[in-house]
Amino acid sequence: ETESCVDGWTYKRTEFISTIVSEWDLVCRLRPLKQM
């Protein structure tokens, strides 16, 4: 059994220290907001 990321996400900070994706969790179901 699996579940979604209810506690948020952990980001690697090697390629980027901070982006709007990591700032506002624009991943998974919110990923289209990146292109938006």
Full PDB file with SEQRES, HELIX, SHEET, SSBOND, CRYST1, ORIGX, SCALE, CONECT and MASTER records, all heavy atoms in Angstrom:
SEQRES   1 A   36  GLU THR GLU SER CYS VAL ASP GLY TRP THR TYR LYS ARG          
SEQRES   2 A   36  THR GLU PHE ILE SER THR ILE VAL SER GLU TRP ASP LEU          
SEQRES   3 A   36  VAL CYS ARG LEU ARG PRO LEU LYS GLN MET                      
HELIX    1 AA1 ILE A   20  TRP A   24  1                                   5    
HELIX    2 AA2 CYS A   28  LEU A   30  5                                   3    
HELIX    3 AA3 PRO A   32  GLN A   35  1                                   4    
CRYST1    1.000    1.000    1.000  90.00  90.00  90.00 P 1           1          
ORIGX1      1.000000  0.000000  0.000000        0.00000                         
ORIGX2      0.000000  1.000000  0.000000        0.00000                         
ORIGX3      0.000000  0.000000  1.000000        0.00000                         
SCALE1      1.000000  0.000000  0.000000        0.00000                         
SCALE2      0.000000  1.000000  0.000000        0.00000                         
SCALE3      0.000000  0.000000  1.000000        0.00000                         
ATOM      1  N   GLU A   1       0.833  -1.208   0.000  1.00  0.00           N  
ATOM      2  CA  GLU A   1       0.000   0.000   0.000  1.00  0.00           C  
ATOM      3  C   GLU A   1       0.866   1.256   0.000  1.00  0.00           C  
ATOM      4  O   GLU A   1       1.887   1.326   0.698  1.00  0.00           O  
ATOM      5  CB  GLU A   1      -0.918   0.001   1.226  1.00  0.00           C  
ATOM      6  CG  GLU A   1      -1.983  -1.080   1.210  1.00  0.00           C  
ATOM      7  CD  GLU A   1      -2.952  -0.932   2.361  1.00  0.00           C  
ATOM      8  OE1 GLU A   1      -3.802  -0.006   2.285  1.00  0.00           O  
ATOM      9  OE2 GLU A   1      -2.845  -1.702   3.328  1.00  0.00           O  
ATOM     10  N   THR A   2       0.439   2.217  -0.793  1.00  0.00           N  
ATOM     11  CA  THR A   2       1.158   3.492  -0.880  1.00  0.00           C  
ATOM     12  C   THR A   2       0.202   4.652  -0.616  1.00  0.00           C  
ATOM     13  O   THR A   2      -1.021   4.477  -0.607  1.00  0.00           O  
ATOM     14  CB  THR A   2       1.808   3.676  -2.269  1.00  0.00           C  
ATOM     15  OG1 THR A   2       0.774   3.678  -3.262  1.00  0.00           O  
ATOM     16  CG2 THR A   2       2.799   2.567  -2.561  1.00  0.00           C  
ATOM     17  N   GLU A   3       0.781   5.807  -0.421  1.00  0.00           N  
ATOM     18  CA  GLU A   3       0.012   7.040  -0.240  1.00  0.00           C  
ATOM     19  C   GLU A   3       0.736   8.194  -0.901  1.00  0.00           C  
ATOM     20  O   GLU A   3       1.910   8.077  -1.274  1.00  0.00           O  
ATOM     21  CB  GLU A   3      -0.184   7.325   1.256  1.00  0.00           C  
ATOM     22  CG  GLU A   3       1.111   7.572   1.997  1.00  0.00           C  
ATOM     23  CD  GLU A   3       0.909   7.848   3.483  1.00  0.00           C  
ATOM     24  OE1 GLU A   3      -0.244   7.944   3.915  1.00  0.00           O  
ATOM     25  OE2 GLU A   3       1.934   7.946   4.193  1.00  0.00           O  
ATOM     26  N   SER A   4       0.050   9.313  -1.057  1.00  0.00           N  
ATOM     27  CA  SER A   4       0.685  10.494  -1.635  1.00  0.00           C  
ATOM     28  C   SER A   4       1.632  11.136  -0.622  1.00  0.00           C  
ATOM     29  O   SER A   4       1.704  10.706   0.531  1.00  0.00           O  
ATOM     30  CB  SER A   4      -0.387  11.499  -2.071  1.00  0.00           C  
ATOM     31  OG  SER A   4      -1.174  11.894  -0.949  1.00  0.00           O  
ATOM     32  N   CYS A   5       2.307  12.161  -1.049  1.00  0.00           N  
ATOM     33  CA  CYS A   5       3.301  12.826  -0.193  1.00  0.00           C  
ATOM     34  C   CYS A   5       2.599  13.777   0.774  1.00  0.00           C  
ATOM     35  O   CYS A   5       2.626  15.014   0.595  1.00  0.00           O  
ATOM     36  CB  CYS A   5       4.324  13.555  -1.037  1.00  0.00           C  
ATOM     37  SG  CYS A   5       5.226  12.489  -2.188  1.00  0.00           S  
ATOM     38  N   VAL A   6       1.975  13.219   1.789  1.00  0.00           N  
ATOM     39  CA  VAL A   6       1.178  14.030   2.717  1.00  0.00           C  
ATOM     40  C   VAL A   6       2.045  14.949   3.575  1.00  0.00           C  
ATOM     41  O   VAL A   6       1.558  15.941   4.113  1.00  0.00           O  
ATOM     42  CB  VAL A   6       0.314  13.121   3.623  1.00  0.00           C  
ATOM     43  CG1 VAL A   6      -0.749  12.412   2.806  1.00  0.00           C  
ATOM     44  CG2 VAL A   6       1.185  12.117   4.373  1.00  0.00           C  
ATOM     45  N   ASP A   7       3.320  14.639   3.722  1.00  0.00           N  
ATOM     46  CA  ASP A   7       4.221  15.488   4.513  1.00  0.00           C  
ATOM     47  C   ASP A   7       5.092  16.383   3.641  1.00  0.00           C  
ATOM     48  O   ASP A   7       6.091  16.947   4.120  1.00  0.00           O  
ATOM     49  CB  ASP A   7       5.118  14.608   5.400  1.00  0.00           C  
ATOM     50  CG  ASP A   7       4.308  13.872   6.462  1.00  0.00           C  
ATOM     51  OD1 ASP A   7       3.588  14.552   7.218  1.00  0.00           O  
ATOM     52  OD2 ASP A   7       4.372  12.629   6.506  1.00  0.00           O  
ATOM     53  N   GLY A   8       4.735  16.491   2.361  1.00  0.00           N  
ATOM     54  CA  GLY A   8       5.502  17.344   1.465  1.00  0.00           C  
ATOM     55  C   GLY A   8       6.638  16.598   0.794  1.00  0.00           C  
ATOM     56  O   GLY A   8       6.652  15.357   0.755  1.00  0.00           O  
ATOM     57  N   TRP A   9       7.594  17.343   0.251  1.00  0.00           N  
ATOM     58  CA  TRP A   9       8.669  16.760  -0.532  1.00  0.00           C  
ATOM     59  C   TRP A   9      10.027  17.205   0.003  1.00  0.00           C  
ATOM     60  O   TRP A   9      10.160  18.282   0.588  1.00  0.00           O  
ATOM     61  CB  TRP A   9       8.560  17.179  -1.999  1.00  0.00           C  
ATOM     62  CG  TRP A   9       7.429  16.525  -2.736  1.00  0.00           C  
ATOM     63  CD1 TRP A   9       7.501  15.443  -3.543  1.00  0.00           C  
ATOM     64  CD2 TRP A   9       6.049  16.927  -2.740  1.00  0.00           C  
ATOM     65  NE1 TRP A   9       6.264  15.123  -4.041  1.00  0.00           N  
ATOM     66  CE2 TRP A   9       5.344  16.032  -3.567  1.00  0.00           C  
ATOM     67  CE3 TRP A   9       5.340  17.954  -2.122  1.00  0.00           C  
ATOM     68  CZ2 TRP A   9       3.982  16.111  -3.797  1.00  0.00           C  
ATOM     69  CZ3 TRP A   9       3.978  18.044  -2.357  1.00  0.00           C  
ATOM     70  CH2 TRP A   9       3.303  17.129  -3.180  1.00  0.00           C  
ATOM     71  N   THR A  10      11.002  16.379  -0.232  1.00  0.00           N  
ATOM     72  CA  THR A  10      12.395  16.700   0.070  1.00  0.00           C  
ATOM     73  C   THR A  10      13.127  16.898  -1.249  1.00  0.00           C  
ATOM     74  O   THR A  10      13.045  16.032  -2.139  1.00  0.00           O  
ATOM     75  CB  THR A  10      13.065  15.572   0.885  1.00  0.00           C  
ATOM     76  OG1 THR A  10      12.373  15.427   2.122  1.00  0.00           O  
ATOM     77  CG2 THR A  10      14.523  15.900   1.154  1.00  0.00           C  
ATOM     78  N   TYR A  11      13.818  18.022  -1.389  1.00  0.00           N  
ATOM     79  CA  TYR A  11      14.487  18.366  -2.650  1.00  0.00           C  
ATOM     80  C   TYR A  11      16.002  18.319  -2.489  1.00  0.00           C  
ATOM     81  O   TYR A  11      16.543  18.752  -1.470  1.00  0.00           O  
ATOM     82  CB  TYR A  11      14.069  19.766  -3.113  1.00  0.00           C  
ATOM     83  CG  TYR A  11      12.594  19.920  -3.364  1.00  0.00           C  
ATOM     84  CD1 TYR A  11      11.736  20.361  -2.346  1.00  0.00           C  
ATOM     85  CD2 TYR A  11      12.041  19.621  -4.598  1.00  0.00           C  
ATOM     86  CE1 TYR A  11      10.373  20.502  -2.569  1.00  0.00           C  
ATOM     87  CE2 TYR A  11      10.677  19.756  -4.828  1.00  0.00           C  
ATOM     88  CZ  TYR A  11       9.846  20.202  -3.805  1.00  0.00           C  
ATOM     89  OH  TYR A  11       8.500  20.335  -4.026  1.00  0.00           O  
ATOM     90  N   LYS A  12      16.656  17.801  -3.519  1.00  0.00           N  
ATOM     91  CA  LYS A  12      18.117  17.868  -3.548  1.00  0.00           C  
ATOM     92  C   LYS A  12      18.519  19.283  -3.953  1.00  0.00           C  
ATOM     93  O   LYS A  12      17.921  19.875  -4.856  1.00  0.00           O  
ATOM     94  CB  LYS A  12      18.674  16.848  -4.546  1.00  0.00           C  
ATOM     95  CG  LYS A  12      18.677  15.419  -4.024  1.00  0.00           C  
ATOM     96  CD  LYS A  12      19.464  14.522  -4.952  1.00  0.00           C  
ATOM     97  CE  LYS A  12      19.591  13.128  -4.367  1.00  0.00           C  
ATOM     98  NZ  LYS A  12      20.362  13.116  -3.114  1.00  0.00           N  
ATOM     99  N   ARG A  13      19.540  19.810  -3.323  1.00  0.00           N  
ATOM    100  CA  ARG A  13      19.935  21.193  -3.581  1.00  0.00           C  
ATOM    101  C   ARG A  13      21.318  21.266  -4.222  1.00  0.00           C  
ATOM    102  O   ARG A  13      22.139  22.118  -3.879  1.00  0.00           O  
ATOM    103  CB  ARG A  13      19.890  21.994  -2.279  1.00  0.00           C  
ATOM    104  CG  ARG A  13      18.507  21.969  -1.629  1.00  0.00           C  
ATOM    105  CD  ARG A  13      18.401  22.895  -0.437  1.00  0.00           C  
ATOM    106  NE  ARG A  13      17.099  22.777   0.199  1.00  0.00           N  
ATOM    107  CZ  ARG A  13      16.002  23.415  -0.207  1.00  0.00           C  
ATOM    108  NH1 ARG A  13      16.067  24.212  -1.260  1.00  0.00           N  
ATOM    109  NH2 ARG A  13      14.850  23.248   0.411  1.00  0.00           N  
ATOM    110  N   THR A  14      21.568  20.343  -5.148  1.00  0.00           N  
ATOM    111  CA  THR A  14      22.849  20.346  -5.852  1.00  0.00           C  
ATOM    112  C   THR A  14      22.765  21.166  -7.145  1.00  0.00           C  
ATOM    113  O   THR A  14      23.534  22.100  -7.342  1.00  0.00           O  
ATOM    114  CB  THR A  14      23.273  18.907  -6.176  1.00  0.00           C  
ATOM    115  OG1 THR A  14      22.181  18.225  -6.826  1.00  0.00           O  
ATOM    116  CG2 THR A  14      23.618  18.162  -4.895  1.00  0.00           C  
ATOM    117  N   GLU A  15      21.797  20.836  -8.015  1.00  0.00           N  
ATOM    118  CA  GLU A  15      21.637  21.569  -9.277  1.00  0.00           C  
ATOM    119  C   GLU A  15      21.004  22.937  -9.044  1.00  0.00           C  
ATOM    120  O   GLU A  15      21.374  23.917  -9.673  1.00  0.00           O  
ATOM    121  CB  GLU A  15      20.782  20.758 -10.249  1.00  0.00           C  
ATOM    122  CG  GLU A  15      20.782  21.313 -11.663  1.00  0.00           C  
ATOM    123  CD  GLU A  15      20.063  20.407 -12.641  1.00  0.00           C  
ATOM    124  OE1 GLU A  15      19.201  19.610 -12.212  1.00  0.00           O  
ATOM    125  OE2 GLU A  15      20.370  20.491 -13.842  1.00  0.00           O  
ATOM    126  N   PHE A  16      20.037  23.017  -8.127  1.00  0.00           N  
ATOM    127  CA  PHE A  16      19.381  24.271  -7.760  1.00  0.00           C  
ATOM    128  C   PHE A  16      19.323  24.370  -6.238  1.00  0.00           C  
ATOM    129  O   PHE A  16      19.028  23.384  -5.569  1.00  0.00           O  
ATOM    130  CB  PHE A  16      17.953  24.337  -8.309  1.00  0.00           C  
ATOM    131  CG  PHE A  16      17.821  24.087  -9.787  1.00  0.00           C  
ATOM    132  CD1 PHE A  16      17.355  22.869 -10.257  1.00  0.00           C  
ATOM    133  CD2 PHE A  16      18.167  25.069 -10.701  1.00  0.00           C  
ATOM    134  CE1 PHE A  16      17.232  22.621 -11.600  1.00  0.00           C  
ATOM    135  CE2 PHE A  16      18.047  24.837 -12.057  1.00  0.00           C  
ATOM    136  CZ  PHE A  16      17.585  23.613 -12.514  1.00  0.00           C  
ATOM    137  N   ILE A  17      19.579  25.567  -5.731  1.00  0.00           N  
ATOM    138  CA  ILE A  17      19.386  25.796  -4.288  1.00  0.00           C  
ATOM    139  C   ILE A  17      17.911  26.033  -4.004  1.00  0.00           C  
ATOM    140  O   ILE A  17      17.336  25.474  -3.070  1.00  0.00           O  
ATOM    141  CB  ILE A  17      20.231  26.995  -3.808  1.00  0.00           C  
ATOM    142  CG1 ILE A  17      21.719  26.675  -3.936  1.00  0.00           C  
ATOM    143  CG2 ILE A  17      19.888  27.355  -2.356  1.00  0.00           C  
ATOM    144  CD1 ILE A  17      22.626  27.834  -3.581  1.00  0.00           C  
ATOM    145  N   SER A  18      17.279  26.848  -4.853  1.00  0.00           N  
ATOM    146  CA  SER A  18      15.866  27.156  -4.676  1.00  0.00           C  
ATOM    147  C   SER A  18      15.260  27.562  -6.010  1.00  0.00           C  
ATOM    148  O   SER A  18      15.874  28.317  -6.776  1.00  0.00           O  
ATOM    149  CB  SER A  18      15.690  28.286  -3.652  1.00  0.00           C  
ATOM    150  OG  SER A  18      14.331  28.664  -3.560  1.00  0.00           O  
ATOM    151  N   THR A  19      14.091  27.033  -6.314  1.00  0.00           N  
ATOM    152  CA  THR A  19      13.332  27.435  -7.496  1.00  0.00           C  
ATOM    153  C   THR A  19      11.881  27.638  -7.066  1.00  0.00           C  
ATOM    154  O   THR A  19      11.504  27.298  -5.946  1.00  0.00           O  
ATOM    155  CB  THR A  19      13.388  26.357  -8.599  1.00  0.00           C  
ATOM    156  OG1 THR A  19      12.649  25.202  -8.165  1.00  0.00           O  
ATOM    157  CG2 THR A  19      14.823  25.943  -8.902  1.00  0.00           C  
ATOM    158  N   ILE A  20      11.068  28.161  -7.958  1.00  0.00           N  
ATOM    159  CA  ILE A  20       9.658  28.322  -7.604  1.00  0.00           C  
ATOM    160  C   ILE A  20       8.999  26.961  -7.434  1.00  0.00           C  
ATOM    161  O   ILE A  20       7.977  26.841  -6.749  1.00  0.00           O  
ATOM    162  CB  ILE A  20       8.893  29.171  -8.646  1.00  0.00           C  
ATOM    163  CG1 ILE A  20       8.836  28.460 -10.011  1.00  0.00           C  
ATOM    164  CG2 ILE A  20       9.497  30.556  -8.775  1.00  0.00           C  
ATOM    165  CD1 ILE A  20       7.903  29.122 -11.006  1.00  0.00           C  
ATOM    166  N   VAL A  21       9.574  25.932  -8.052  1.00  0.00           N  
ATOM    167  CA  VAL A  21       9.042  24.571  -7.905  1.00  0.00           C  
ATOM    168  C   VAL A  21       9.236  24.084  -6.474  1.00  0.00           C  
ATOM    169  O   VAL A  21       8.300  23.568  -5.848  1.00  0.00           O  
ATOM    170  CB  VAL A  21       9.724  23.619  -8.906  1.00  0.00           C  
ATOM    171  CG1 VAL A  21       9.324  22.169  -8.618  1.00  0.00           C  
ATOM    172  CG2 VAL A  21       9.341  23.987 -10.332  1.00  0.00           C  
ATOM    173  N   SER A  22      10.445  24.242  -5.940  1.00  0.00           N  
ATOM    174  CA  SER A  22      10.701  23.807  -4.563  1.00  0.00           C  
ATOM    175  C   SER A  22      10.079  24.765  -3.543  1.00  0.00           C  
ATOM    176  O   SER A  22       9.733  24.372  -2.432  1.00  0.00           O  
ATOM    177  CB  SER A  22      12.206  23.690  -4.317  1.00  0.00           C  
ATOM    178  OG  SER A  22      12.863  24.932  -4.507  1.00  0.00           O  
ATOM    179  N   GLU A  23       9.928  26.043  -3.938  1.00  0.00           N  
ATOM    180  CA  GLU A  23       9.347  27.039  -3.027  1.00  0.00           C  
ATOM    181  C   GLU A  23       7.875  26.747  -2.755  1.00  0.00           C  
ATOM    182  O   GLU A  23       7.413  26.837  -1.616  1.00  0.00           O  
ATOM    183  CB  GLU A  23       9.495  28.437  -3.639  1.00  0.00           C  
ATOM    184  CG  GLU A  23       8.937  29.550  -2.796  1.00  0.00           C  
ATOM    185  CD  GLU A  23       9.990  30.196  -1.910  1.00  0.00           C  
ATOM    186  OE1 GLU A  23      11.172  29.859  -2.039  1.00  0.00           O  
ATOM    187  OE2 GLU A  23       9.611  31.043  -1.093  1.00  0.00           O  
ATOM    188  N   TRP A  24       7.127  26.418  -3.817  1.00  0.00           N  
ATOM    189  CA  TRP A  24       5.683  26.221  -3.676  1.00  0.00           C  
ATOM    190  C   TRP A  24       5.238  24.813  -4.049  1.00  0.00           C  
ATOM    191  O   TRP A  24       4.061  24.575  -4.344  1.00  0.00           O  
ATOM    192  CB  TRP A  24       4.937  27.272  -4.506  1.00  0.00           C  
ATOM    193  CG  TRP A  24       5.184  28.670  -4.009  1.00  0.00           C  
ATOM    194  CD1 TRP A  24       4.935  29.151  -2.764  1.00  0.00           C  
ATOM    195  CD2 TRP A  24       5.748  29.765  -4.748  1.00  0.00           C  
ATOM    196  NE1 TRP A  24       5.300  30.472  -2.670  1.00  0.00           N  
ATOM    197  CE2 TRP A  24       5.805  30.887  -3.864  1.00  0.00           C  
ATOM    198  CE3 TRP A  24       6.205  29.931  -6.045  1.00  0.00           C  
ATOM    199  CZ2 TRP A  24       6.296  32.122  -4.256  1.00  0.00           C  
ATOM    200  CZ3 TRP A  24       6.711  31.156  -6.439  1.00  0.00           C  
ATOM    201  CH2 TRP A  24       6.751  32.238  -5.553  1.00  0.00           C  
ATOM    202  N   ASP A  25       6.163  23.863  -4.056  1.00  0.00           N  
ATOM    203  CA  ASP A  25       5.860  22.448  -4.311  1.00  0.00           C  
ATOM    204  C   ASP A  25       5.063  22.253  -5.599  1.00  0.00           C  
ATOM    205  O   ASP A  25       4.004  21.614  -5.619  1.00  0.00           O  
ATOM    206  CB  ASP A  25       5.101  21.834  -3.123  1.00  0.00           C  
ATOM    207  CG  ASP A  25       5.986  21.668  -1.894  1.00  0.00           C  
ATOM    208  OD1 ASP A  25       7.206  21.487  -2.059  1.00  0.00           O  
ATOM    209  OD2 ASP A  25       5.454  21.728  -0.772  1.00  0.00           O  
ATOM    210  N   LEU A  26       5.586  22.770  -6.702  1.00  0.00           N  
ATOM    211  CA  LEU A  26       4.908  22.639  -7.999  1.00  0.00           C  
ATOM    212  C   LEU A  26       5.318  21.329  -8.660  1.00  0.00           C  
ATOM    213  O   LEU A  26       5.884  21.291  -9.763  1.00  0.00           O  
ATOM    214  CB  LEU A  26       5.250  23.831  -8.895  1.00  0.00           C  
ATOM    215  CG  LEU A  26       4.981  25.217  -8.309  1.00  0.00           C  
ATOM    216  CD1 LEU A  26       5.310  26.294  -9.334  1.00  0.00           C  
ATOM    217  CD2 LEU A  26       3.538  25.352  -7.847  1.00  0.00           C  
ATOM    218  N   VAL A  27       5.036  20.223  -7.992  1.00  0.00           N  
ATOM    219  CA  VAL A  27       5.373  18.901  -8.505  1.00  0.00           C  
ATOM    220  C   VAL A  27       4.137  18.009  -8.438  1.00  0.00           C  
ATOM    221  O   VAL A  27       3.121  18.381  -7.842  1.00  0.00           O  
ATOM    222  CB  VAL A  27       6.528  18.267  -7.687  1.00  0.00           C  
ATOM    223  CG1 VAL A  27       7.827  19.024  -7.911  1.00  0.00           C  
ATOM    224  CG2 VAL A  27       6.185  18.230  -6.205  1.00  0.00           C  
ATOM    225  N   CYS A  28       4.273  16.844  -9.048  1.00  0.00           N  
ATOM    226  CA  CYS A  28       3.171  15.867  -9.090  1.00  0.00           C  
ATOM    227  C   CYS A  28       1.904  16.499  -9.668  1.00  0.00           C  
ATOM    228  O   CYS A  28       1.957  17.040 -10.762  1.00  0.00           O  
ATOM    229  CB  CYS A  28       2.958  15.283  -7.700  1.00  0.00           C  
ATOM    230  SG  CYS A  28       4.444  14.389  -7.109  1.00  0.00           S  
ATOM    231  N   ARG A  29       0.816  16.544  -8.945  1.00  0.00           N  
ATOM    232  CA  ARG A  29      -0.425  17.075  -9.523  1.00  0.00           C  
ATOM    233  C   ARG A  29      -0.366  18.571  -9.779  1.00  0.00           C  
ATOM    234  O   ARG A  29      -1.149  19.105 -10.566  1.00  0.00           O  
ATOM    235  CB  ARG A  29      -1.618  16.744  -8.619  1.00  0.00           C  
ATOM    236  CG  ARG A  29      -1.606  17.421  -7.265  1.00  0.00           C  
ATOM    237  CD  ARG A  29      -2.806  17.011  -6.424  1.00  0.00           C  
ATOM    238  NE  ARG A  29      -2.841  17.705  -5.135  1.00  0.00           N  
ATOM    239  CZ  ARG A  29      -3.362  18.912  -4.965  1.00  0.00           C  
ATOM    240  NH1 ARG A  29      -3.903  19.556  -5.990  1.00  0.00           N  
ATOM    241  NH2 ARG A  29      -3.357  19.480  -3.772  1.00  0.00           N  
ATOM    242  N   LEU A  30       0.561  19.282  -9.126  1.00  0.00           N  
ATOM    243  CA  LEU A  30       0.709  20.722  -9.357  1.00  0.00           C  
ATOM    244  C   LEU A  30       1.786  21.046 -10.399  1.00  0.00           C  
ATOM    245  O   LEU A  30       2.076  22.202 -10.650  1.00  0.00           O  
ATOM    246  CB  LEU A  30       1.060  21.444  -8.043  1.00  0.00           C  
ATOM    247  CG  LEU A  30      -0.018  21.442  -6.953  1.00  0.00           C  
ATOM    248  CD1 LEU A  30       0.468  22.229  -5.740  1.00  0.00           C  
ATOM    249  CD2 LEU A  30      -1.336  22.019  -7.470  1.00  0.00           C  
ATOM    250  N   ARG A  31       2.347  20.025 -11.002  1.00  0.00           N  
ATOM    251  CA  ARG A  31       3.425  20.267 -11.967  1.00  0.00           C  
ATOM    252  C   ARG A  31       3.005  21.146 -13.147  1.00  0.00           C  
ATOM    253  O   ARG A  31       3.808  21.926 -13.644  1.00  0.00           O  
ATOM    254  CB  ARG A  31       3.969  18.920 -12.468  1.00  0.00           C  
ATOM    255  CG  ARG A  31       5.157  19.089 -13.389  1.00  0.00           C  
ATOM    256  CD  ARG A  31       5.884  17.795 -13.646  1.00  0.00           C  
ATOM    257  NE  ARG A  31       7.017  17.981 -14.533  1.00  0.00           N  
ATOM    258  CZ  ARG A  31       7.928  17.072 -14.792  1.00  0.00           C  
ATOM    259  NH1 ARG A  31       7.841  15.889 -14.208  1.00  0.00           N  
ATOM    260  NH2 ARG A  31       8.912  17.317 -15.622  1.00  0.00           N  
ATOM    261  N   PRO A  32       1.766  21.039 -13.663  1.00  0.00           N  
ATOM    262  CA  PRO A  32       1.375  21.933 -14.768  1.00  0.00           C  
ATOM    263  C   PRO A  32       1.525  23.421 -14.440  1.00  0.00           C  
ATOM    264  O   PRO A  32       1.642  24.246 -15.354  1.00  0.00           O  
ATOM    265  CB  PRO A  32      -0.096  21.563 -15.013  1.00  0.00           C  
ATOM    266  CG  PRO A  32      -0.200  20.138 -14.563  1.00  0.00           C  
ATOM    267  CD  PRO A  32       0.703  20.041 -13.371  1.00  0.00           C  
ATOM    268  N   LEU A  33       1.523  23.775 -13.156  1.00  0.00           N  
ATOM    269  CA  LEU A  33       1.676  25.189 -12.790  1.00  0.00           C  
ATOM    270  C   LEU A  33       3.063  25.707 -13.139  1.00  0.00           C  
ATOM    271  O   LEU A  33       3.253  26.916 -13.289  1.00  0.00           O  
ATOM    272  CB  LEU A  33       1.402  25.379 -11.294  1.00  0.00           C  
ATOM    273  CG  LEU A  33      -0.037  25.110 -10.827  1.00  0.00           C  
ATOM    274  CD1 LEU A  33      -0.166  25.369  -9.331  1.00  0.00           C  
ATOM    275  CD2 LEU A  33      -1.025  25.984 -11.604  1.00  0.00           C  
ATOM    276  N   LYS A  34       4.022  24.812 -13.257  1.00  0.00           N  
ATOM    277  CA  LYS A  34       5.369  25.236 -13.681  1.00  0.00           C  
ATOM    278  C   LYS A  34       5.309  25.827 -15.090  1.00  0.00           C  
ATOM    279  O   LYS A  34       5.800  26.930 -15.339  1.00  0.00           O  
ATOM    280  CB  LYS A  34       6.313  24.037 -13.650  1.00  0.00           C  
ATOM    281  CG  LYS A  34       7.673  24.291 -14.312  1.00  0.00           C  
ATOM    282  CD  LYS A  34       8.444  23.004 -14.462  1.00  0.00           C  
ATOM    283  CE  LYS A  34       9.782  23.213 -15.148  1.00  0.00           C  
ATOM    284  NZ  LYS A  34       9.670  23.686 -16.530  1.00  0.00           N  
ATOM    285  N   GLN A  35       4.702  25.084 -16.032  1.00  0.00           N  
ATOM    286  CA  GLN A  35       4.560  25.592 -17.391  1.00  0.00           C  
ATOM    287  C   GLN A  35       3.591  26.765 -17.454  1.00  0.00           C  
ATOM    288  O   GLN A  35       3.739  27.666 -18.279  1.00  0.00           O  
ATOM    289  CB  GLN A  35       4.091  24.465 -18.318  1.00  0.00           C  
ATOM    290  CG  GLN A  35       5.097  23.344 -18.514  1.00  0.00           C  
ATOM    291  CD  GLN A  35       6.359  23.799 -19.225  1.00  0.00           C  
ATOM    292  OE1 GLN A  35       6.423  24.886 -19.778  1.00  0.00           O  
ATOM    293  NE2 GLN A  35       7.380  22.961 -19.186  1.00  0.00           N  
ATOM    294  N   MET A  36       2.611  26.754 -16.559  1.00  0.00           N  
ATOM    295  CA  MET A  36       1.644  27.844 -16.545  1.00  0.00           C  
ATOM    296  C   MET A  36       2.322  29.180 -16.272  1.00  0.00           C  
ATOM    297  O   MET A  36       1.946  30.211 -16.844  1.00  0.00           O  
ATOM    298  CB  MET A  36       0.566  27.574 -15.493  1.00  0.00           C  
ATOM    299  CG  MET A  36      -0.515  28.645 -15.404  1.00  0.00           C  
ATOM    300  SD  MET A  36      -1.461  28.821 -16.945  1.00  0.00           S  
ATOM    301  CE  MET A  36      -2.354  27.268 -16.937  1.00  0.00           C  
TER     302      MET A  36                                                      
MASTER        0    0    0    3    0    0    0    6  301    1    0    3          
END                                                                             
